[in-house]
């Protein structure tokens, strides 16, 4: 504006000054010329300012539109009638803002890996869809599914392979299962599904079965075959009950965590009891922190009996928690918590050290040497210093490695076959025996079993409990015993509770057994008394206490 003003006025004012200073004209003529010049100058200035104002309209509109978009993300509706450079800039700015807004919306509402809506968009669509429903008694179902053992799977796969797995899951769910309703990727390994055409809980169960069937098919990823199972949490409510979307998703999470606690590939419907159970779990987890330091943990021992002679030949060390308020907490309650939060590593090390020291103390007291069996958790087995830690404990307690047996399970051995074989071989190199616990409930691959340097197979209690009434359990028990003999492995049966089970196992040639028929798990002092006063040939009556 200043440039335009000076450009117009400087020449005119120079001309006017020259005219005034000239003595050729009279004052009347000079004043008249001065008035005309000023009027012309003002008219020219006004015309120039008006022209500049009109030229700057696109610039001002573009600036205002940009400011409005930055403040409240409101997209502009800029005119496109201007054809000059500034008008073209305004039109291009409008188009760019629309494209940028669309890109920002996609980035903030869609997952770039799977292409699915994220949690924010799921919440918006749920809220919008529920508000449009007129039948408030109609059912809505929200399912949240999570991959079992996702942490272990992610550690075993390359990052790109893991991304391909998640992308493959989203494609299968989109194509084969979720044709109606909403599907969203919640992050990490979680997918959410919302259905509004639910007629009954049965239809939800059918959807769950479809989900499990679709995801049960192997994924072939960059030369690898990956098998997964999902845990699924379900919330089933009426439209009227489901108005609080955040609470709805929180309840789905609660149900999913309950499903994970039940095992692999399970599903759980949310109920008020679910909240109470999770609150109880949270309280237990809080109390479990520091239980070791507060000396609340105990080691109990259950004898293993030679089924042919009736003599106690080993003891299994089992951890117990003596809670100051709750009393004796079942291992079924706190062991899964310890495994989930990593506390099982220090707890397991403490159990091993305590049991080895106790076994050595019994030997020094003159008791016949008994084999000591101690469980290793998956978290312990994955520790890089596992072998060194066990060797150190044996040295500290002065227990001969020949008297120590470590129990491992098929499931975590199969996660990394090469590493598992190497670790087991190192443990065997120390002179420690290896028992394969819960045999028959996991992979049970004969090819892999021949590679694992184990010395003992343990028949899971589920087969022992059912073998009298279930021909399949009896057949599995017989097959495990025959397999152990063919591989020159010892065999132990867990969960023997009556004379009939004992007789069946003896007849089939099972070598060892343990269970309430002989003795429940006992504190060290009580077990020492049992060994002195109870004849193993005359076992204790069957008990019905929870393990």
Protein backbone atom coordinates (compact mmCIF):
# COMPACT_ATOMS: atom_id res chain seq x y z
CA UNK A 1 0.00 0.00 0.00
CA UNK A 2 2.83 2.44 0.89
CA UNK A 3 4.60 1.68 -2.37
CA UNK A 4 1.42 2.35 -4.33
CA UNK A 5 0.81 5.57 -2.44
CA UNK A 6 4.31 6.89 -3.03
CA UNK A 7 4.28 5.75 -6.65
CA UNK A 8 1.23 7.91 -7.38
CA UNK A 9 1.84 10.93 -5.17
CA UNK A 10 5.55 11.66 -5.59
CA UNK A 11 5.37 12.52 -9.33
CA UNK A 12 2.23 14.63 -8.89
CA UNK A 13 3.55 16.48 -5.88
CA UNK A 14 6.82 17.18 -7.71
CA UNK A 15 4.91 18.58 -10.67
CA UNK A 16 2.69 20.66 -8.40
CA UNK A 17 5.65 22.10 -6.48
CA UNK A 18 7.34 23.04 -9.73
CA UNK A 19 4.17 24.79 -10.92
CA UNK A 20 3.73 26.73 -7.67
CA UNK A 21 7.32 27.89 -7.55
CA UNK A 22 7.08 29.20 -11.08
CA UNK A 23 6.35 33.01 -11.36
CA UNK A 24 4.64 32.68 -14.71
CA UNK A 25 1.07 32.26 -13.37
CA UNK A 26 -0.98 34.28 -10.93
CA UNK A 27 -2.01 33.07 -7.49
CA UNK A 28 -5.60 32.50 -8.59
CA UNK A 29 -4.53 30.22 -11.41
CA UNK A 30 -2.01 28.47 -9.16
CA UNK A 31 -4.64 27.76 -6.51
CA UNK A 32 -7.07 26.50 -9.12
CA UNK A 33 -4.46 24.19 -10.60
CA UNK A 34 -3.52 23.06 -7.10
CA UNK A 35 -7.10 22.15 -6.28
CA UNK A 36 -7.56 20.21 -9.49
CA UNK A 37 -4.27 18.38 -8.91
CA UNK A 38 -5.19 17.43 -5.35
CA UNK A 39 -8.60 16.21 -6.45
CA UNK A 40 -7.07 14.15 -9.24
CA UNK A 41 -4.48 12.76 -6.84
CA UNK A 42 -7.12 11.73 -4.30
CA UNK A 43 -9.25 10.18 -7.02
CA UNK A 44 -6.28 8.24 -8.36
CA UNK A 45 -5.34 7.10 -4.87
CA UNK A 46 -8.86 5.87 -4.17
CA UNK A 47 -8.95 4.02 -7.46
CA UNK A 48 -5.58 2.44 -6.76
CA UNK A 49 -6.59 1.37 -3.24
CA UNK A 50 -9.84 -0.13 -4.55
CA UNK A 51 -7.95 -2.05 -7.22
CA UNK A 52 -5.44 -3.34 -4.69
CA UNK A 53 -8.26 -4.32 -2.34
CA UNK A 54 -9.92 -6.35 -5.06
CA UNK A 55 -6.61 -7.97 -5.99
CA UNK A 56 -5.97 -8.99 -2.38
CA UNK A 57 -9.41 -10.59 -1.79
CA UNK A 58 -8.14 -14.13 -2.60
CA UNK A 59 -5.16 -13.63 -0.32
CA UNK A 60 -7.32 -12.45 2.58
CA UNK A 61 -9.84 -15.29 2.07
CA UNK A 62 -7.03 -17.86 1.96
CA UNK A 63 -5.43 -16.45 5.10
CA UNK A 64 -8.75 -16.48 6.98
CA UNK A 65 -9.49 -20.02 5.84
CA UNK A 66 -6.08 -21.24 7.00
CA UNK A 67 -6.51 -19.59 10.39
CA UNK A 68 -9.98 -21.09 10.81
CA UNK A 69 -8.71 -24.56 9.88
CA UNK A 70 -5.84 -24.31 12.36
CA UNK A 71 -8.15 -23.23 15.17
CA UNK A 72 -11.11 -25.60 14.77
CA UNK A 73 -10.27 -27.90 11.83
CA UNK A 74 -13.15 -26.46 9.80
CA UNK A 75 -12.59 -26.98 6.10
CA UNK A 76 -12.93 -23.82 3.95
CA UNK A 77 -15.30 -23.28 1.07
CA UNK A 78 -13.17 -20.94 -1.02
CA UNK A 79 -14.45 -19.46 -4.32
CA UNK A 80 -12.83 -20.63 -7.51
CA UNK A 81 -13.94 -17.79 -9.84
CA UNK A 82 -10.58 -16.02 -9.67
CA UNK A 83 -8.37 -16.87 -12.60
CA UNK A 84 -5.19 -14.93 -11.89
CA UNK A 85 -2.15 -16.25 -10.06
CA UNK A 86 -3.50 -15.35 -6.62
CA UNK A 87 -6.87 -16.91 -7.39
CA UNK A 88 -5.17 -20.08 -8.61
CA UNK A 89 -3.18 -20.15 -5.36
CA UNK A 90 -6.42 -19.90 -3.37
CA UNK A 91 -8.03 -22.75 -5.29
CA UNK A 92 -4.92 -24.91 -4.87
CA UNK A 93 -4.85 -24.11 -1.15
CA UNK A 94 -8.48 -25.18 -0.76
CA UNK A 95 -7.83 -28.47 -2.55
CA UNK A 96 -4.66 -29.08 -0.53
CA UNK A 97 -6.49 -28.46 2.75
CA UNK A 98 -9.20 -30.97 1.82
CA UNK A 99 -6.60 -33.59 0.90
CA UNK A 100 -4.57 -32.87 4.02
CA UNK A 101 -7.65 -33.17 6.20
CA UNK A 102 -8.54 -36.48 4.61
CA UNK A 103 -5.00 -37.74 5.17
CA UNK A 104 -5.00 -36.57 8.79
CA UNK A 105 -8.37 -38.24 9.35
CA UNK A 106 -7.06 -41.51 7.96
CA UNK A 107 -3.90 -41.30 10.07
CA UNK A 108 -5.84 -40.60 13.24
CA UNK A 109 -8.72 -43.03 12.66
CA UNK A 110 -7.21 -45.95 10.72
CA UNK A 111 -4.31 -48.27 11.44
CA UNK A 112 -1.67 -48.00 8.72
CA UNK A 113 -0.58 -51.66 9.10
CA UNK A 114 -3.94 -53.45 8.86
CA UNK A 115 -5.99 -50.72 7.19
CA UNK A 116 -8.70 -51.25 9.82
CA UNK A 117 -10.42 -48.58 11.94
CA UNK A 118 -8.63 -47.93 15.21
CA UNK A 119 -10.11 -47.62 18.67
CA UNK A 120 -10.98 -43.93 18.27
CA UNK A 121 -13.02 -44.58 15.13
CA UNK A 122 -14.61 -47.67 16.67
CA UNK A 123 -15.81 -45.60 19.62
CA UNK A 124 -17.22 -42.92 17.30
CA UNK A 125 -19.04 -45.44 15.11
CA UNK A 126 -20.36 -47.36 18.10
CA UNK A 127 -21.71 -44.17 19.64
CA UNK A 128 -23.25 -43.06 16.34
CA UNK A 129 -24.79 -46.47 15.56
CA UNK A 130 -26.22 -46.94 19.05
CA UNK A 131 -27.76 -43.45 19.00
CA UNK A 132 -29.62 -44.32 15.79
CA UNK A 133 -31.16 -47.52 17.17
CA UNK A 134 -34.82 -47.17 18.05
CA UNK A 135 -35.31 -50.58 19.68
CA UNK A 136 -33.46 -50.16 22.98
CA UNK A 137 -34.05 -53.79 23.94
CA UNK A 138 -32.17 -55.05 20.92
CA UNK A 139 -28.90 -56.85 21.71
CA UNK A 140 -25.44 -55.59 20.82
CA UNK A 141 -22.31 -57.74 21.15
CA UNK A 142 -18.73 -56.50 21.45
CA UNK A 143 -15.97 -59.10 21.13
CA UNK A 144 -12.32 -58.45 21.90
CA UNK A 145 -9.83 -61.07 20.77
CA UNK A 146 -6.14 -61.34 21.60
CA UNK A 147 -3.45 -63.75 20.40
CA UNK A 148 -2.37 -66.25 23.05
CA UNK A 149 1.31 -66.09 24.04
CA UNK A 150 1.77 -63.06 21.77
CA UNK A 151 4.92 -61.94 23.58
CA UNK A 152 6.64 -65.27 22.95
CA UNK A 153 5.44 -65.32 19.34
CA UNK A 154 6.71 -61.78 18.73
CA UNK A 155 10.11 -62.72 20.15
CA UNK A 156 10.32 -65.70 17.83
CA UNK A 157 9.44 -63.84 14.63
CA UNK A 158 11.20 -61.15 12.69
CA UNK A 159 9.45 -57.75 12.87
CA UNK A 160 8.36 -57.90 9.23
CA UNK A 161 7.01 -61.44 9.67
CA UNK A 162 5.05 -60.30 12.72
CA UNK A 163 3.55 -57.45 10.71
CA UNK A 164 2.56 -59.92 7.99
CA UNK A 165 0.84 -62.07 10.65
CA UNK A 166 -1.24 -59.15 11.92
CA UNK A 167 -2.08 -58.09 8.37
CA UNK A 168 -3.07 -61.66 7.52
CA UNK A 169 -5.34 -61.82 10.55
CA UNK A 170 -7.10 -58.59 9.57
CA UNK A 171 -7.64 -59.85 6.03
CA UNK A 172 -9.13 -63.14 7.22
CA UNK A 173 -11.39 -61.44 9.74
CA UNK A 174 -12.57 -58.92 7.16
CA UNK A 175 -13.20 -61.47 4.42
CA UNK A 176 -14.43 -64.56 6.24
CA UNK A 177 -16.07 -63.41 9.46
CA UNK A 178 -16.97 -59.77 9.87
CA UNK A 179 -19.13 -58.98 6.86
CA UNK A 180 -21.68 -57.16 9.00
CA UNK A 181 -20.92 -54.97 11.97
CA UNK A 182 -17.70 -53.23 12.90
CA UNK A 183 -14.13 -54.54 12.93
CA UNK A 184 -11.27 -52.54 14.44
CA UNK A 185 -7.62 -53.04 15.29
CA UNK A 186 -7.01 -51.96 18.88
CA UNK A 187 -3.23 -52.15 18.80
CA UNK A 188 -0.57 -54.75 19.61
CA UNK A 189 -2.41 -58.10 19.15
CA UNK A 190 -6.01 -57.07 19.86
CA UNK A 191 -8.96 -56.87 17.45
CA UNK A 192 -12.48 -55.70 18.33
CA UNK A 193 -15.73 -56.77 16.67
CA UNK A 194 -19.13 -55.15 17.22
CA UNK A 195 -22.36 -56.74 16.00
CA UNK A 196 -25.83 -55.18 16.09
CA UNK A 197 -27.81 -58.03 14.50
CA UNK A 198 -27.57 -60.29 17.56
CA UNK A 199 -30.65 -62.39 18.17
CA UNK A 200 -29.39 -64.56 21.05
CA UNK A 201 -26.22 -65.65 22.86
CA UNK A 202 -26.20 -68.69 20.58
CA UNK A 203 -25.53 -66.51 17.53
CA UNK A 204 -22.56 -64.94 19.35
CA UNK A 205 -21.17 -68.39 20.13
CA UNK A 206 -21.52 -69.30 16.46
CA UNK A 207 -19.54 -66.16 15.59
CA UNK A 208 -16.86 -67.15 18.12
CA UNK A 209 -16.64 -70.61 16.59
CA UNK A 210 -16.21 -69.03 13.15
CA UNK A 211 -13.45 -66.78 14.49
CA UNK A 212 -11.61 -69.69 16.04
CA UNK A 213 -11.94 -71.80 12.90
CA UNK A 214 -10.67 -69.03 10.62
CA UNK A 215 -7.67 -68.24 12.82
CA UNK A 216 -6.88 -71.92 13.43
CA UNK A 217 -5.70 -72.29 9.84
CA UNK A 218 -1.91 -71.92 9.69
CA UNK A 219 -0.35 -68.72 8.43
CA UNK A 220 2.41 -69.20 5.85
CA UNK A 221 4.71 -66.22 6.24
CA UNK A 222 8.05 -65.86 4.47
CA UNK A 223 8.78 -69.56 4.55
CA UNK A 224 7.50 -70.02 8.12
CA UNK A 225 4.34 -71.71 9.32
CA UNK A 226 2.74 -69.92 12.26
CA UNK A 227 -0.13 -71.32 14.34
CA UNK A 228 -2.10 -69.07 16.67
CA UNK A 229 -5.07 -69.34 19.01
CA UNK A 230 -7.20 -66.39 20.17
CA UNK A 231 -8.61 -65.66 23.61
CA UNK A 232 -11.94 -63.87 23.23
CA UNK A 233 -13.82 -61.65 25.67
CA UNK A 234 -17.51 -60.96 24.97
CA UNK A 235 -19.93 -58.31 26.22
CA UNK A 236 -23.60 -58.93 25.37
CA UNK A 237 -25.97 -56.12 26.36
CA UNK A 238 -29.11 -54.35 25.23
CA UNK A 239 -28.83 -51.06 23.34
CA UNK A 240 -30.08 -49.28 26.44
CA UNK A 241 -27.36 -50.83 28.64
CA UNK A 242 -24.56 -50.23 26.14
CA UNK A 243 -24.63 -46.43 25.98
CA UNK A 244 -21.36 -46.01 27.91
CA UNK A 245 -18.90 -47.03 25.19
CA UNK A 246 -15.78 -46.75 27.35
CA UNK A 247 -17.31 -49.02 29.96
CA UNK A 248 -18.41 -51.44 27.25
CA UNK A 249 -14.83 -51.81 25.97
CA UNK A 250 -13.47 -52.06 29.51
CA UNK A 251 -15.84 -54.94 30.23
CA UNK A 252 -14.73 -56.66 27.01
CA UNK A 253 -11.12 -56.36 28.19
CA UNK A 254 -12.04 -57.87 31.56
CA UNK A 255 -13.75 -60.81 29.90
CA UNK A 256 -10.78 -61.34 27.58
CA UNK A 257 -8.33 -61.45 30.50
CA UNK A 258 -10.59 -63.98 32.20
CA UNK A 259 -10.54 -66.09 29.05
CA UNK A 260 -6.72 -66.01 29.00
CA UNK A 261 -6.61 -67.26 32.57
CA UNK A 262 -8.67 -70.29 31.56
CA UNK A 263 -6.11 -71.40 28.98
CA UNK A 264 -5.40 -71.11 25.28
CA UNK A 265 -8.17 -70.57 22.75
CA UNK A 266 -10.89 -69.89 25.33
CA UNK A 267 -13.74 -67.36 25.38
CA UNK A 268 -15.51 -65.66 28.27
CA UNK A 269 -18.75 -63.67 28.50
CA UNK A 270 -18.61 -60.66 30.78
CA UNK A 271 -20.64 -60.76 33.96
CA UNK A 272 -20.56 -58.73 37.21
CA UNK A 273 -18.72 -61.69 38.73
CA UNK A 274 -15.96 -61.07 36.19
CA UNK A 275 -15.28 -57.66 37.72
CA UNK A 276 -15.18 -59.17 41.20
CA UNK A 277 -12.76 -61.87 40.06
CA UNK A 278 -10.46 -59.35 38.40
CA UNK A 279 -10.54 -57.12 41.46
CA UNK A 280 -9.63 -60.14 43.57
CA UNK A 281 -6.80 -60.95 41.16
CA UNK A 282 -5.54 -57.37 41.36
CA UNK A 283 -5.53 -57.52 45.16
CA UNK A 284 -3.66 -60.82 45.07
CA UNK A 285 -1.13 -59.42 42.63
CA UNK A 286 -0.53 -56.39 44.86
CA UNK A 287 -0.10 -58.66 47.89
CA UNK A 288 2.15 -61.05 45.98
CA UNK A 289 4.67 -58.26 45.48
CA UNK A 290 6.86 -58.53 48.55
CA UNK A 291 5.46 -61.88 49.72
CA UNK A 292 8.90 -63.41 49.31
CA UNK A 293 10.55 -60.65 51.32
CA UNK A 294 7.86 -60.92 54.02
CA UNK A 295 8.59 -64.65 54.35
CA UNK A 296 5.03 -65.63 53.42
CA UNK A 297 5.96 -68.35 50.91
CA UNK A 298 6.39 -71.97 51.95
CA UNK A 299 7.71 -75.11 50.25
CA UNK A 300 5.60 -78.24 50.64
CA UNK A 301 6.71 -81.72 49.59
CA UNK A 302 4.70 -84.56 48.11
CA UNK A 303 6.22 -88.06 48.05
CA UNK A 304 6.59 -90.08 44.86
CA UNK A 305 6.10 -93.79 45.39
CA UNK A 306 7.63 -96.79 43.66
CA UNK A 307 4.40 -98.52 42.62
CA UNK A 308 5.97 -101.97 42.64
CA UNK A 309 7.62 -101.80 46.10
CA UNK A 310 5.46 -99.16 47.79
CA UNK A 311 8.55 -97.26 48.95
CA UNK A 312 8.96 -93.48 48.76
CA UNK A 313 11.77 -92.81 46.30
CA UNK A 314 11.39 -89.07 45.61
CA UNK A 315 9.63 -85.88 46.69
CA UNK A 316 8.24 -83.06 44.57
CA UNK A 317 8.73 -79.52 45.88
CA UNK A 318 5.59 -77.38 45.61
CA UNK A 319 5.30 -73.72 46.54
CA UNK A 320 2.52 -72.48 48.82
CA UNK A 321 1.55 -68.96 49.90
CA UNK A 322 0.62 -68.40 53.52
CA UNK A 323 -1.26 -65.10 53.22
CA UNK A 324 -1.49 -63.21 56.52
CA UNK A 325 -5.24 -62.57 56.04
CA UNK A 326 -6.50 -65.05 53.43
CA UNK A 327 -4.63 -67.98 54.88
CA UNK A 328 -3.21 -70.62 52.54
CA UNK A 329 -3.74 -69.37 48.97
CA UNK A 330 -4.17 -72.02 46.30
CA UNK A 331 -1.29 -72.23 43.78
CA UNK A 332 -3.95 -72.23 41.06
CA UNK A 333 -4.70 -68.63 42.08
CA UNK A 334 -1.29 -67.06 42.51
CA UNK A 335 1.01 -69.05 40.19
CA UNK A 336 -0.65 -67.71 36.99
CA UNK A 337 -0.33 -64.19 38.41
CA UNK A 338 3.35 -64.73 39.18
CA UNK A 339 3.94 -66.11 35.69
CA UNK A 340 2.18 -63.14 34.09
CA UNK A 341 4.09 -60.42 35.96
CA UNK A 342 7.49 -62.15 36.08
CA UNK A 343 7.54 -62.77 39.83
CA UNK A 344 7.76 -66.48 39.10
CA UNK A 345 11.48 -66.07 38.32
CA UNK A 346 12.61 -64.99 41.83
CA UNK A 347 9.97 -67.23 43.42
CA UNK A 348 11.12 -70.24 41.40
CA UNK A 349 14.75 -69.59 42.25
CA UNK A 350 13.85 -69.33 45.94
CA UNK A 351 11.88 -72.61 45.79
CA UNK A 352 14.80 -74.39 44.13
CA UNK A 353 17.33 -73.09 46.66
CA UNK A 354 15.05 -73.86 49.63
CA UNK A 355 14.20 -77.37 48.40
CA UNK A 356 17.85 -78.23 47.64
CA UNK A 357 18.90 -77.02 51.08
CA UNK A 358 16.13 -79.08 52.69
CA UNK A 359 17.01 -82.19 50.72
CA UNK A 360 20.64 -81.85 51.79
CA UNK A 361 19.54 -81.32 55.42
CA UNK A 362 17.52 -84.56 55.33
CA UNK A 363 20.56 -86.42 54.04
CA UNK A 364 22.79 -84.97 56.76
CA UNK A 365 20.18 -85.98 59.35
CA UNK A 366 20.53 -89.59 58.24
CA UNK A 367 17.40 -90.00 56.11
CA UNK A 368 17.67 -92.20 53.03
CA UNK A 369 18.51 -90.01 50.00
CA UNK A 370 15.43 -89.14 47.97
CA UNK A 371 15.31 -87.67 44.50
CA UNK A 372 14.12 -84.04 44.62
CA UNK A 373 11.78 -82.93 41.83
CA UNK A 374 11.34 -79.19 41.22
CA UNK A 375 9.22 -77.48 38.55
CA UNK A 376 10.70 -74.97 36.14
CA UNK A 377 8.35 -72.32 34.74
CA UNK A 378 8.50 -71.01 31.18
CA UNK A 379 9.85 -67.66 32.44
CA UNK A 380 12.63 -69.39 34.37
CA UNK A 381 13.52 -71.60 31.42
CA UNK A 382 13.87 -68.56 29.16
CA UNK A 383 16.39 -66.87 31.46
CA UNK A 384 19.81 -66.71 29.76
CA UNK A 385 21.64 -67.51 33.02
CA UNK A 386 19.44 -70.45 34.01
CA UNK A 387 22.16 -73.13 33.94
CA UNK A 388 24.63 -70.92 35.84
CA UNK A 389 22.01 -70.10 38.49
CA UNK A 390 21.15 -73.78 39.07
CA UNK A 391 24.84 -74.74 39.23
CA UNK A 392 25.40 -71.99 41.79
CA UNK A 393 22.46 -73.17 43.93
CA UNK A 394 23.76 -76.75 43.89
CA UNK A 395 27.18 -75.52 44.96
CA UNK A 396 25.74 -73.37 47.75
CA UNK A 397 23.53 -76.12 49.15
CA UNK A 398 26.11 -78.89 48.49
CA UNK A 399 23.40 -81.11 47.00
CA UNK A 400 24.67 -83.79 44.62
CA UNK A 401 23.14 -83.02 41.15
CA UNK A 402 22.30 -86.72 40.87
CA UNK A 403 19.52 -86.18 43.42
CA UNK A 404 17.91 -83.25 41.55
CA UNK A 405 15.23 -83.61 38.89
CA UNK A 406 13.81 -80.60 37.05
CA UNK A 407 10.30 -80.77 35.60
CA UNK A 408 9.59 -78.98 32.32
CA UNK A 409 6.48 -78.93 30.11
CA UNK A 410 6.13 -79.56 26.41
CA UNK A 411 4.47 -76.24 25.67
CA UNK A 412 7.36 -73.92 26.45
CA UNK A 413 9.97 -76.35 25.09
CA UNK A 414 8.28 -76.15 21.70
CA UNK A 415 8.56 -72.36 21.51
CA UNK A 416 12.23 -72.57 20.52
CA UNK A 417 13.25 -76.15 19.82
CA UNK A 418 16.94 -75.47 19.19
CA UNK A 419 17.41 -73.39 22.33
CA UNK A 420 15.38 -75.84 24.44
CA UNK A 421 17.53 -78.79 23.36
CA UNK A 422 20.70 -76.85 24.06
CA UNK A 423 19.55 -75.79 27.55
CA UNK A 424 18.38 -79.29 28.47
CA UNK A 425 21.69 -80.74 27.30
CA UNK A 426 23.58 -78.26 29.48
CA UNK A 427 21.43 -79.21 32.48
CA UNK A 428 21.99 -82.90 31.79
CA UNK A 429 25.69 -82.08 31.61
CA UNK A 430 25.51 -80.99 35.24
CA UNK A 431 24.16 -84.43 36.13
CA UNK A 432 20.56 -83.27 36.64
CA UNK A 433 17.64 -85.48 35.59
CA UNK A 434 14.89 -83.98 33.38
CA UNK A 435 11.19 -84.90 33.65
CA UNK A 436 8.66 -83.97 30.98
CA UNK A 437 5.60 -82.90 32.96
CA UNK A 438 1.93 -83.09 31.87
CA UNK A 439 2.89 -85.34 28.98
CA UNK A 440 0.10 -85.92 26.49
CA UNK A 441 -1.63 -82.57 27.01
CA UNK A 442 0.60 -80.55 24.67
CA UNK A 443 2.26 -81.19 21.32
CA UNK A 444 3.40 -84.76 22.06
CA UNK A 445 5.48 -84.94 18.91
CA UNK A 446 7.54 -88.13 18.87
CA UNK A 447 10.04 -86.46 16.57
CA UNK A 448 10.73 -83.69 19.06
CA UNK A 449 10.51 -86.01 22.05
CA UNK A 450 13.41 -88.03 20.70
CA UNK A 451 15.50 -84.85 20.52
CA UNK A 452 14.83 -83.72 24.08
CA UNK A 453 17.33 -85.27 26.55
CA UNK A 454 14.67 -86.16 29.13
CA UNK A 455 14.83 -89.02 31.60
CA UNK A 456 11.22 -89.16 32.82
CA UNK A 457 7.69 -88.84 31.43
CA UNK A 458 4.92 -87.77 33.80
CA UNK A 459 1.38 -88.83 32.91
CA UNK A 460 -0.95 -85.89 33.49
CA UNK A 461 -3.52 -86.30 36.25
CA UNK A 462 -6.37 -85.68 33.80
CA UNK A 463 -5.69 -89.05 32.12
CA UNK A 464 -5.32 -90.84 35.46
CA UNK A 465 -8.59 -89.43 36.77
CA UNK A 466 -10.56 -90.38 33.64
CA UNK A 467 -8.99 -93.67 32.62
CA UNK A 468 -11.61 -95.80 34.41
CA UNK A 469 -14.59 -94.12 32.74
CA UNK A 470 -13.05 -92.84 29.52
CA UNK A 471 -11.57 -95.45 27.16
CA UNK A 472 -9.65 -92.73 25.32
CA UNK A 473 -7.88 -91.61 28.52
CA UNK A 474 -7.06 -95.23 29.30
CA UNK A 475 -5.67 -95.70 25.79
CA UNK A 476 -3.53 -92.57 26.09
CA UNK A 477 -2.22 -93.74 29.47
CA UNK A 478 -1.31 -97.15 28.04
CA UNK A 479 0.35 -95.52 25.03
CA UNK A 480 2.46 -93.19 27.20
CA UNK A 481 3.65 -96.07 29.36
CA UNK A 482 4.54 -98.11 26.28
CA UNK A 483 6.28 -95.13 24.70
CA UNK A 484 8.35 -94.48 27.83
CA UNK A 485 9.47 -98.10 27.92
CA UNK A 486 10.40 -98.10 24.26
CA UNK A 487 12.51 -94.96 24.75
CA UNK A 488 14.01 -96.33 27.98
CA UNK A 489 12.50 -93.51 30.03
CA UNK A 490 11.12 -93.69 33.55
CA UNK A 491 7.39 -93.07 33.96
CA UNK A 492 5.42 -91.36 36.74
CA UNK A 493 1.65 -91.04 37.07
CA UNK A 494 0.22 -87.95 38.77
CA UNK A 495 -3.03 -87.64 40.68
CA UNK A 496 -3.50 -91.21 41.97
CA UNK A 497 -6.44 -91.04 44.34
CA UNK A 498 -7.71 -94.58 44.91
CA UNK A 499 -6.76 -98.25 44.93
CA UNK A 500 -8.37 -98.95 41.56
CA UNK A 501 -6.20 -96.38 39.79
CA UNK A 502 -3.12 -97.72 41.56
CA UNK A 503 -3.90 -101.30 40.53
CA UNK A 504 -4.48 -100.30 36.90
CA UNK A 505 -1.18 -98.43 36.68
CA UNK A 506 0.78 -101.21 38.36
CA UNK A 507 -0.69 -103.75 35.98
CA UNK A 508 0.35 -101.62 33.00
CA UNK A 509 3.91 -101.37 34.32
CA UNK A 510 3.94 -97.74 35.47
CA UNK A 511 6.99 -97.33 37.70
CA UNK A 512 6.20 -94.37 39.98
CA UNK A 513 3.17 -92.46 41.16
CA UNK A 514 2.06 -89.62 43.37
CA UNK A 515 -1.26 -88.37 44.58
CA UNK A 516 -3.55 -87.94 47.55
CA UNK A 517 -3.91 -91.71 47.82
CA UNK A 518 -0.39 -91.75 49.24
CA UNK A 519 -0.05 -88.29 50.76
CA UNK A 520 -1.05 -84.73 50.17
CA UNK A 521 1.76 -82.13 49.92
CA UNK A 522 3.21 -81.58 53.40
CA UNK A 523 5.59 -79.11 55.07
CA UNK A 524 9.14 -80.39 55.48
CA UNK A 525 8.71 -81.34 59.14
CA UNK A 526 5.42 -83.12 58.51
CA UNK A 527 6.86 -85.03 55.57
CA UNK A 528 9.83 -86.16 57.67
CA UNK A 529 7.38 -87.47 60.24
CA UNK A 530 5.32 -89.17 57.53
CA UNK A 531 8.40 -90.91 56.17
CA UNK A 532 9.20 -92.21 59.67
CA UNK A 533 5.71 -93.18 60.83
CA UNK A 534 3.75 -94.07 57.69
CA UNK A 535 4.44 -97.28 55.88
CA UNK A 536 4.39 -96.52 52.16
CA UNK A 537 2.94 -99.98 51.65
CA UNK A 538 -0.12 -98.82 53.58
CA UNK A 539 -0.86 -95.45 52.01
CA UNK A 540 -3.03 -92.72 53.47
CA UNK A 541 -6.73 -92.70 52.55
CA UNK A 542 -7.76 -90.69 49.55
CA UNK A 543 -8.29 -86.99 50.34
CA UNK A 544 -10.49 -84.47 48.58
CA UNK A 545 -8.55 -81.27 49.20
CA UNK A 546 -8.05 -78.94 46.24
CA UNK A 547 -4.56 -79.08 44.87
